[in-house]
Protein backbone atom coordinates (compact mmCIF):
# COMPACT_ATOMS: atom_id res chain seq x y z
CA MET A 1 126.14 140.05 71.96
CA LYS A 2 129.48 139.53 70.68
CA MET A 3 131.73 142.36 71.72
CA ASN A 4 134.95 143.86 69.82
CA PHE A 5 136.74 145.13 72.91
CA LYS A 6 139.53 146.66 70.73
CA ASP A 7 137.33 148.91 68.40
CA ILE A 8 134.48 150.16 70.73
CA HIS A 9 131.31 151.90 69.16
CA ILE A 10 129.45 152.88 71.86
CA GLY A 11 126.44 154.11 70.36
CA SER A 12 125.65 151.03 68.46
CA ILE A 13 125.99 149.21 71.70
CA ILE A 14 123.45 151.75 73.28
CA SER A 15 120.98 151.62 70.24
CA THR A 16 121.17 147.83 70.46
CA LEU A 17 120.12 147.60 74.28
CA PHE A 18 117.80 150.30 73.59
CA LYS A 19 115.86 148.21 71.00
CA GLU A 20 116.14 145.20 72.69
CA GLN A 21 114.55 146.49 75.95
CA GLU A 22 112.03 148.42 73.91
CA ILE A 23 112.35 151.76 75.60
CA ASP A 24 109.74 154.08 74.95
CA MET A 25 111.32 157.10 73.59
CA GLN A 26 109.27 159.46 75.30
CA ARG A 27 110.42 157.95 78.74
CA ALA A 28 114.11 158.19 77.41
CA GLU A 29 113.70 161.88 76.62
CA ARG A 30 112.56 162.63 80.24
CA PHE A 31 114.97 160.37 81.98
CA LEU A 32 118.07 161.63 80.07
CA ASN A 33 116.86 165.19 79.95
CA ILE A 34 117.51 165.42 76.04
CA LYS A 35 115.54 165.26 72.81
CA GLU A 36 115.04 162.57 70.34
CA ALA A 37 117.61 163.93 68.22
CA ALA A 38 120.06 163.91 70.57
CA ILE A 39 119.46 160.35 71.47
CA GLN A 40 119.47 159.35 67.73
CA GLN A 41 122.82 161.22 67.58
CA VAL A 42 124.19 159.19 70.49
CA PHE A 43 123.40 156.05 68.61
CA ALA A 44 125.42 157.06 65.85
CA SER A 45 128.41 158.26 67.87
CA LYS A 46 131.52 156.14 68.61
CA ASN A 47 132.29 158.32 71.65
CA ILE A 48 129.49 160.35 74.39
CA ASP A 49 130.25 162.37 77.38
CA THR A 50 130.67 160.15 80.30
CA GLU A 51 127.69 162.16 82.31
CA LEU A 52 125.47 161.06 79.51
CA LEU A 53 126.96 157.33 79.43
CA LEU A 54 126.11 157.05 83.15
CA ARG A 55 122.66 158.29 82.42
CA PHE A 56 122.18 155.62 79.67
CA SER A 57 123.73 152.82 82.28
CA LYS A 58 121.02 153.75 84.63
CA LEU A 59 117.93 153.95 81.95
CA LEU A 60 119.23 150.69 80.33
CA GLU A 61 120.49 148.92 83.84
CA TYR A 62 123.85 148.12 82.14
CA ASP A 63 127.43 149.15 82.94
CA PHE A 64 128.88 150.68 79.66
CA PHE A 65 131.92 151.67 81.52
CA ARG A 66 132.86 147.96 81.93
CA ILE A 67 133.45 147.82 78.27
CA TYR A 68 136.00 150.09 78.48
CA SER A 69 137.44 148.63 81.73
CA GLN A 70 137.70 145.30 79.67
CA HIS A 71 139.56 146.88 76.75
CA LEU A 72 142.22 148.10 79.50
CA VAL A 73 142.33 144.63 80.82
CA LEU A 74 143.32 143.41 77.26
CA TYR A 75 145.08 145.97 75.55
CA ALA A 76 146.82 148.48 77.89
CA PRO A 77 150.28 147.91 78.47
CA PRO A 78 151.19 146.63 81.96
CA ALA A 79 152.54 149.49 84.34
CA SER A 80 156.19 149.50 85.32
CA GLN A 81 156.99 147.63 88.49
CA ASN A 82 159.21 150.62 89.39
CA TYR A 83 156.85 153.13 88.79
CA LYS A 84 154.45 153.96 91.88
CA VAL A 85 152.39 157.12 92.26
CA ALA A 86 153.61 158.13 95.78
CA SER A 87 150.22 159.66 97.37
CA SER A 88 147.52 159.65 94.61
CA LYS A 89 144.20 160.91 95.64
CA ALA A 90 142.70 158.68 92.56
CA PRO A 91 140.98 155.41 93.64
CA GLN A 92 143.49 152.63 93.45
CA PHE A 93 142.36 149.17 92.11
CA LYS A 94 144.10 145.96 93.57
CA LYS A 95 144.24 143.85 90.47
CA ASN A 96 142.76 143.02 87.17
CA VAL A 97 139.34 141.04 87.34
CA TYR A 98 138.90 138.75 84.47
CA THR A 99 134.89 138.82 83.59
CA LYS A 100 133.13 136.33 82.07
CA GLU A 101 133.11 138.26 78.81
CA ILE A 102 136.54 138.29 78.72
CA ILE A 103 137.11 134.68 79.28
CA GLU A 104 134.46 133.86 76.60
CA PHE A 105 136.23 136.58 74.03
CA ILE A 106 139.50 134.63 74.69
CA VAL A 107 138.31 131.33 74.60
CA GLY A 108 136.46 132.21 71.34
CA LEU A 109 139.41 133.51 69.80
CA ILE A 110 141.23 130.15 70.10
CA GLN A 111 138.34 127.99 69.24
CA THR A 112 137.56 129.84 66.07
CA LYS A 113 141.47 129.52 65.51
CA GLN A 114 141.60 133.39 65.07
CA LYS A 115 144.77 133.16 67.66
CA THR A 116 146.85 130.59 69.28
CA ALA A 117 147.29 130.06 73.03
CA SER A 118 150.75 131.43 72.53
CA GLN A 119 149.42 134.49 70.78
CA ILE A 120 147.07 135.07 73.44
CA ILE A 121 149.68 134.85 76.18
CA GLU A 122 151.84 137.06 74.64
CA GLU A 123 149.44 139.87 73.49
CA TYR A 124 147.25 139.91 76.32
CA ARG A 125 149.70 138.91 79.01
CA ILE A 126 147.35 136.33 80.37
CA PRO A 127 149.19 133.84 82.63
CA ARG A 128 149.69 130.32 80.77
CA THR A 129 148.20 128.42 83.82
CA THR A 130 145.10 130.97 83.72
CA LEU A 131 144.54 130.63 80.08
CA TYR A 132 144.62 126.49 80.23
CA LYS A 133 142.33 126.57 83.41
CA TRP A 134 139.62 128.52 81.14
CA LEU A 135 140.19 125.97 78.32
CA LYS A 136 139.60 123.36 80.26
CA LYS A 137 136.63 124.82 82.04
CA TYR A 138 134.84 126.64 78.84
CA GLN A 139 135.53 124.44 76.05
């Protein structure tokens, strides 16, 4: 499944996996504790509640949250070097990890000539050496 990480429609992604895995609707209703009409509404929704997204992740054995993490890796502005949260209770993550899907997405943009290497480096802040290693390895 080719992903558009900029414009995420989570319901359609869930619907696609639901159909691919041929999940029985009655099983889904019991597992998710919602009726079929609510499941159909999720399929049509661009956004859903995180608790429900977690249950769909378990049912379909797929990490839907990673889609949003990949969006952040590609499109979130970098944090200021001077800004530090003094003693935040929130979990801290050490660095961005480029997943296989992100690498394929970036390499695909260059292979299809939708973007140049310079545009990728500038827009997504991917280091030049990293990008050229990906191109060498995945082309």
